[in-house]
N, C-alpha and C. Protein backbone atom coordinates (compact mmCIF):
# COMPACT_ATOMS: atom_id res chain seq x y z
N MET A 1 62.29 60.51 -45.89
CA MET A 1 62.31 61.95 -45.90
C MET A 1 61.75 62.44 -44.58
N PHE A 2 62.37 63.45 -44.04
CA PHE A 2 61.95 64.03 -42.77
C PHE A 2 61.41 65.42 -43.07
N THR A 3 60.19 65.69 -42.64
CA THR A 3 59.61 67.01 -42.83
C THR A 3 59.06 67.52 -41.51
N ILE A 4 59.03 68.81 -41.38
CA ILE A 4 58.45 69.45 -40.21
C ILE A 4 57.23 70.22 -40.69
N VAL A 5 56.10 69.93 -40.07
CA VAL A 5 54.86 70.58 -40.47
C VAL A 5 54.22 71.21 -39.25
N GLY A 6 53.65 72.39 -39.42
CA GLY A 6 52.90 73.00 -38.33
C GLY A 6 53.31 74.43 -38.11
N CYS A 7 52.36 75.21 -37.64
CA CYS A 7 52.59 76.62 -37.39
C CYS A 7 53.34 76.85 -36.08
N GLN A 8 53.30 75.89 -35.18
CA GLN A 8 53.89 76.06 -33.86
C GLN A 8 55.39 75.75 -33.83
N THR A 9 55.93 75.21 -34.90
CA THR A 9 57.33 74.82 -34.90
C THR A 9 58.23 76.05 -34.88
N LYS A 10 59.12 76.10 -33.89
CA LYS A 10 60.06 77.21 -33.78
C LYS A 10 61.44 76.68 -34.14
N VAL A 11 62.01 77.21 -35.18
CA VAL A 11 63.33 76.78 -35.63
C VAL A 11 64.37 77.71 -35.01
N PRO A 12 65.32 77.15 -34.26
CA PRO A 12 66.34 78.01 -33.65
C PRO A 12 67.24 78.64 -34.71
N ILE A 13 67.70 79.82 -34.43
CA ILE A 13 68.61 80.52 -35.34
C ILE A 13 70.03 80.08 -35.03
N PHE A 14 70.79 79.73 -36.06
CA PHE A 14 72.18 79.30 -35.88
C PHE A 14 73.03 80.48 -35.47
N ASN A 15 73.80 80.30 -34.41
CA ASN A 15 74.68 81.34 -33.90
C ASN A 15 76.12 80.88 -34.12
N LYS A 16 76.76 81.44 -35.14
CA LYS A 16 78.11 80.98 -35.49
C LYS A 16 79.13 81.26 -34.40
N GLU A 17 78.99 82.37 -33.67
CA GLU A 17 79.92 82.67 -32.59
C GLU A 17 79.81 81.64 -31.47
N LYS A 18 78.58 81.28 -31.12
CA LYS A 18 78.37 80.29 -30.06
C LYS A 18 78.90 78.92 -30.50
N ALA A 19 78.63 78.56 -31.75
CA ALA A 19 79.13 77.28 -32.28
C ALA A 19 80.65 77.25 -32.23
N PHE A 20 81.29 78.34 -32.63
CA PHE A 20 82.75 78.39 -32.62
C PHE A 20 83.29 78.33 -31.19
N SER A 21 82.58 78.94 -30.23
CA SER A 21 83.03 78.89 -28.84
C SER A 21 82.99 77.46 -28.31
N HIS A 22 82.02 76.65 -28.76
CA HIS A 22 81.98 75.24 -28.37
C HIS A 22 83.17 74.48 -28.96
N LEU A 23 83.54 74.82 -30.19
CA LEU A 23 84.70 74.20 -30.83
C LEU A 23 85.98 74.55 -30.08
N VAL A 24 86.13 75.81 -29.72
CA VAL A 24 87.32 76.26 -28.97
C VAL A 24 87.38 75.55 -27.62
N ALA A 25 86.24 75.43 -26.95
CA ALA A 25 86.21 74.75 -25.64
C ALA A 25 86.71 73.32 -25.77
N GLN A 26 86.27 72.62 -26.81
CA GLN A 26 86.72 71.24 -27.02
C GLN A 26 88.22 71.18 -27.28
N CYS A 27 88.72 72.07 -28.10
CA CYS A 27 90.16 72.08 -28.41
C CYS A 27 90.99 72.43 -27.18
N ASP A 28 90.45 73.26 -26.29
CA ASP A 28 91.17 73.65 -25.08
C ASP A 28 91.40 72.47 -24.13
N PHE A 29 90.63 71.40 -24.28
CA PHE A 29 90.85 70.22 -23.44
C PHE A 29 92.10 69.47 -23.86
N GLY A 30 92.65 69.79 -25.02
CA GLY A 30 93.80 69.06 -25.54
C GLY A 30 93.32 67.79 -26.21
N PRO A 31 94.23 66.85 -26.46
CA PRO A 31 93.81 65.59 -27.09
C PRO A 31 92.71 64.92 -26.27
N ARG A 32 91.72 64.38 -26.96
CA ARG A 32 90.58 63.73 -26.30
C ARG A 32 90.60 62.23 -26.58
N ASN A 33 91.81 61.68 -26.65
CA ASN A 33 91.91 60.24 -26.88
C ASN A 33 91.37 59.49 -25.67
N PRO A 34 90.72 58.36 -25.90
CA PRO A 34 90.07 57.62 -24.81
C PRO A 34 91.01 57.33 -23.64
N GLY A 35 90.51 57.61 -22.45
CA GLY A 35 91.26 57.39 -21.22
C GLY A 35 92.07 58.59 -20.76
N SER A 36 92.17 59.62 -21.58
CA SER A 36 92.97 60.80 -21.23
C SER A 36 92.15 61.79 -20.41
N ASP A 37 92.86 62.75 -19.79
CA ASP A 37 92.17 63.82 -19.05
C ASP A 37 91.27 64.62 -19.99
N GLY A 38 91.75 64.88 -21.21
CA GLY A 38 90.94 65.63 -22.18
C GLY A 38 89.66 64.90 -22.52
N HIS A 39 89.72 63.59 -22.60
CA HIS A 39 88.54 62.77 -22.90
C HIS A 39 87.51 62.89 -21.77
N ILE A 40 87.99 62.80 -20.54
CA ILE A 40 87.10 62.91 -19.37
C ILE A 40 86.49 64.30 -19.29
N LYS A 41 87.30 65.34 -19.54
CA LYS A 41 86.79 66.71 -19.51
C LYS A 41 85.76 66.95 -20.60
N ALA A 42 86.01 66.42 -21.80
CA ALA A 42 85.07 66.60 -22.91
C ALA A 42 83.75 65.91 -22.61
N LEU A 43 83.79 64.71 -22.05
CA LEU A 43 82.56 64.01 -21.67
C LEU A 43 81.75 64.86 -20.71
N GLY A 44 82.40 65.38 -19.67
CA GLY A 44 81.71 66.25 -18.72
C GLY A 44 81.13 67.49 -19.37
N TYR A 45 81.89 68.08 -20.28
CA TYR A 45 81.44 69.29 -20.99
C TYR A 45 80.18 69.01 -21.81
N PHE A 46 80.18 67.91 -22.55
CA PHE A 46 79.02 67.59 -23.37
C PHE A 46 77.79 67.30 -22.51
N LEU A 47 77.98 66.56 -21.44
CA LEU A 47 76.85 66.26 -20.55
C LEU A 47 76.32 67.54 -19.91
N GLU A 48 77.21 68.40 -19.45
CA GLU A 48 76.81 69.66 -18.82
C GLU A 48 76.11 70.59 -19.82
N THR A 49 76.58 70.60 -21.05
CA THR A 49 76.01 71.48 -22.08
C THR A 49 74.66 70.96 -22.58
N LEU A 50 74.56 69.65 -22.78
CA LEU A 50 73.33 69.08 -23.36
C LEU A 50 72.19 68.92 -22.36
N THR A 51 72.50 68.67 -21.10
CA THR A 51 71.46 68.38 -20.11
C THR A 51 70.39 69.46 -20.01
N PRO A 52 70.73 70.75 -19.94
CA PRO A 52 69.65 71.74 -19.85
C PRO A 52 68.89 71.95 -21.16
N LEU A 53 69.41 71.46 -22.27
CA LEU A 53 68.79 71.67 -23.58
C LEU A 53 67.89 70.53 -24.02
N ALA A 54 68.24 69.32 -23.66
CA ALA A 54 67.53 68.13 -24.15
C ALA A 54 66.50 67.65 -23.14
N ASP A 55 65.56 66.84 -23.64
CA ASP A 55 64.58 66.21 -22.75
C ASP A 55 65.23 65.11 -21.92
N THR A 56 66.15 64.39 -22.53
CA THR A 56 66.85 63.28 -21.87
C THR A 56 68.29 63.24 -22.35
N VAL A 57 69.21 63.02 -21.43
CA VAL A 57 70.62 62.84 -21.78
C VAL A 57 71.14 61.65 -20.99
N PHE A 58 71.79 60.72 -21.68
CA PHE A 58 72.39 59.59 -20.99
C PHE A 58 73.58 59.08 -21.78
N THR A 59 74.36 58.22 -21.16
CA THR A 59 75.52 57.64 -21.83
C THR A 59 75.36 56.14 -21.96
N GLN A 60 75.98 55.60 -22.97
CA GLN A 60 76.13 54.16 -23.14
C GLN A 60 77.63 53.90 -23.00
N SER A 61 78.02 53.29 -21.90
CA SER A 61 79.43 53.04 -21.64
C SER A 61 79.81 51.62 -22.05
N TYR A 62 81.03 51.47 -22.51
CA TYR A 62 81.54 50.15 -22.87
C TYR A 62 83.06 50.18 -22.80
N ILE A 63 83.66 49.02 -22.80
CA ILE A 63 85.12 48.91 -22.74
C ILE A 63 85.63 48.52 -24.13
N GLU A 64 86.64 49.22 -24.57
CA GLU A 64 87.27 48.96 -25.87
C GLU A 64 88.74 48.61 -25.61
N ILE A 65 89.27 47.69 -26.37
CA ILE A 65 90.68 47.34 -26.26
C ILE A 65 91.43 48.05 -27.38
N MET A 66 92.40 48.88 -27.00
CA MET A 66 93.19 49.61 -27.98
C MET A 66 94.06 48.63 -28.76
N PRO A 67 93.97 48.64 -30.09
CA PRO A 67 94.67 47.64 -30.89
C PRO A 67 96.19 47.65 -30.75
N ARG A 68 96.79 48.79 -30.62
CA ARG A 68 98.25 48.88 -30.59
C ARG A 68 98.82 48.47 -29.22
N THR A 69 98.10 48.82 -28.14
CA THR A 69 98.64 48.60 -26.79
C THR A 69 97.93 47.49 -26.01
N GLN A 70 96.77 47.06 -26.50
CA GLN A 70 95.92 46.09 -25.80
C GLN A 70 95.39 46.63 -24.48
N GLU A 71 95.51 47.93 -24.27
CA GLU A 71 94.99 48.58 -23.07
C GLU A 71 93.46 48.64 -23.14
N LYS A 72 92.80 48.39 -22.02
CA LYS A 72 91.35 48.51 -21.95
C LYS A 72 91.01 49.93 -21.53
N VAL A 73 90.14 50.58 -22.31
CA VAL A 73 89.72 51.94 -21.98
C VAL A 73 88.20 52.03 -22.01
N LYS A 74 87.67 52.87 -21.14
CA LYS A 74 86.23 53.08 -21.08
C LYS A 74 85.84 54.08 -22.17
N MET A 75 84.85 53.72 -22.95
CA MET A 75 84.33 54.58 -24.01
C MET A 75 82.88 54.92 -23.67
N ASN A 76 82.40 56.03 -24.22
CA ASN A 76 81.03 56.46 -23.95
C ASN A 76 80.37 57.02 -25.19
N ASN A 77 79.19 56.53 -25.49
CA ASN A 77 78.32 57.20 -26.44
C ASN A 77 77.45 58.14 -25.62
N ILE A 78 77.23 59.33 -26.11
CA ILE A 78 76.36 60.30 -25.44
C ILE A 78 75.09 60.41 -26.26
N ILE A 79 73.95 60.20 -25.61
CA ILE A 79 72.67 60.28 -26.30
C ILE A 79 71.87 61.42 -25.69
N ALA A 80 71.48 62.36 -26.54
CA ALA A 80 70.62 63.48 -26.13
C ALA A 80 69.34 63.38 -26.95
N ARG A 81 68.21 63.30 -26.27
CA ARG A 81 66.93 63.17 -26.98
C ARG A 81 66.13 64.46 -26.83
N PHE A 82 65.61 64.91 -27.95
CA PHE A 82 64.77 66.09 -28.02
C PHE A 82 63.40 65.66 -28.53
N ASN A 83 62.36 66.02 -27.81
CA ASN A 83 60.99 65.67 -28.18
C ASN A 83 60.87 64.16 -28.45
N PRO A 84 61.16 63.33 -27.45
CA PRO A 84 61.19 61.88 -27.67
C PRO A 84 59.85 61.25 -28.00
N SER A 85 58.75 61.96 -27.77
CA SER A 85 57.44 61.39 -28.09
C SER A 85 57.01 61.66 -29.53
N ALA A 86 57.81 62.40 -30.28
CA ALA A 86 57.47 62.70 -31.67
C ALA A 86 57.43 61.41 -32.49
N VAL A 87 56.49 61.34 -33.41
CA VAL A 87 56.36 60.16 -34.26
C VAL A 87 57.58 60.02 -35.16
N GLU A 88 57.99 61.10 -35.77
CA GLU A 88 59.17 61.08 -36.64
C GLU A 88 60.33 61.73 -35.91
N GLN A 89 61.47 61.08 -35.97
CA GLN A 89 62.66 61.60 -35.32
C GLN A 89 63.84 61.50 -36.27
N ILE A 90 64.87 62.22 -35.95
CA ILE A 90 66.09 62.19 -36.75
C ILE A 90 67.26 61.93 -35.81
N MET A 91 68.26 61.20 -36.29
CA MET A 91 69.44 60.93 -35.49
C MET A 91 70.64 61.60 -36.14
N ILE A 92 71.40 62.31 -35.32
CA ILE A 92 72.64 62.92 -35.77
C ILE A 92 73.74 62.35 -34.88
N SER A 93 74.82 61.91 -35.48
CA SER A 93 75.90 61.34 -34.67
C SER A 93 77.25 61.90 -35.12
N ALA A 94 78.20 61.87 -34.19
CA ALA A 94 79.54 62.36 -34.50
C ALA A 94 80.53 61.77 -33.52
N HIS A 95 81.78 61.65 -33.95
CA HIS A 95 82.85 61.27 -33.04
C HIS A 95 83.25 62.51 -32.25
N TRP A 96 83.42 62.37 -30.96
CA TRP A 96 83.84 63.51 -30.15
C TRP A 96 85.22 63.28 -29.53
N ASP A 97 85.76 62.09 -29.72
CA ASP A 97 87.09 61.81 -29.20
C ASP A 97 88.12 62.02 -30.30
N THR A 98 89.38 61.96 -29.92
CA THR A 98 90.46 62.04 -30.89
C THR A 98 91.23 60.73 -30.87
N ARG A 99 92.06 60.54 -31.85
CA ARG A 99 92.79 59.27 -31.97
C ARG A 99 93.95 59.23 -30.98
N PRO A 100 94.26 58.03 -30.47
CA PRO A 100 95.35 57.91 -29.51
C PRO A 100 96.74 58.05 -30.13
N TRP A 101 96.83 57.97 -31.44
CA TRP A 101 98.10 58.14 -32.14
C TRP A 101 97.82 58.53 -33.59
N GLY A 102 98.81 59.10 -34.22
CA GLY A 102 98.67 59.50 -35.61
C GLY A 102 99.12 58.41 -36.56
N ASP A 103 98.49 58.35 -37.70
CA ASP A 103 98.91 57.42 -38.74
C ASP A 103 100.04 58.02 -39.57
N ARG A 104 99.91 59.31 -39.77
CA ARG A 104 100.88 60.01 -40.60
C ARG A 104 101.29 61.27 -39.86
N GLY A 105 102.54 61.56 -39.87
CA GLY A 105 103.00 62.76 -39.20
C GLY A 105 104.22 63.31 -39.89
N ALA A 106 104.57 64.49 -39.49
CA ALA A 106 105.77 65.11 -40.06
C ALA A 106 107.02 64.37 -39.60
N SER A 107 106.92 63.67 -38.48
CA SER A 107 108.07 62.92 -37.98
C SER A 107 107.60 61.62 -37.35
N ILE A 108 108.53 60.72 -37.14
CA ILE A 108 108.23 59.45 -36.47
C ILE A 108 107.69 59.72 -35.07
N MET A 109 108.23 60.71 -34.38
CA MET A 109 107.80 61.04 -33.02
C MET A 109 106.31 61.37 -32.98
N GLY A 110 105.82 62.07 -33.98
CA GLY A 110 104.42 62.46 -34.02
C GLY A 110 103.47 61.29 -34.16
N LYS A 111 103.96 60.19 -34.68
CA LYS A 111 103.10 59.03 -34.89
C LYS A 111 102.74 58.33 -33.58
N ASN A 112 103.46 58.61 -32.52
CA ASN A 112 103.19 57.98 -31.23
C ASN A 112 102.46 58.90 -30.26
N GLN A 113 102.06 60.06 -30.73
CA GLN A 113 101.40 61.04 -29.87
C GLN A 113 99.90 61.09 -30.17
N PRO A 114 99.08 61.39 -29.14
CA PRO A 114 97.65 61.55 -29.40
C PRO A 114 97.39 62.72 -30.34
N ILE A 115 96.34 62.60 -31.09
CA ILE A 115 95.95 63.68 -32.01
C ILE A 115 94.99 64.60 -31.29
């Protein structure tokens, strides 16, 4: 169980308009499948957005082989740490890329396109 105790704790207020603007920005990059321009733009966007907010921001890069094409693509985990000296911490994670192809689509053509 994670609890926050203390009078000094300031909880930020959720801003739905700002959150939605971040969603729109990500969608404006187009498909974010690994190795694409959208993927590179999204990585830059997240690093640029998180760096002024977090105590530490860094990436863990690795190479992944795409199963369908055997193509090697560079992948990145983005780690943003807030209050890293705190005794208790919480981790939140999410996928920020999109799939390189669809499993199901309205047509055969859609199955070969990035999502």
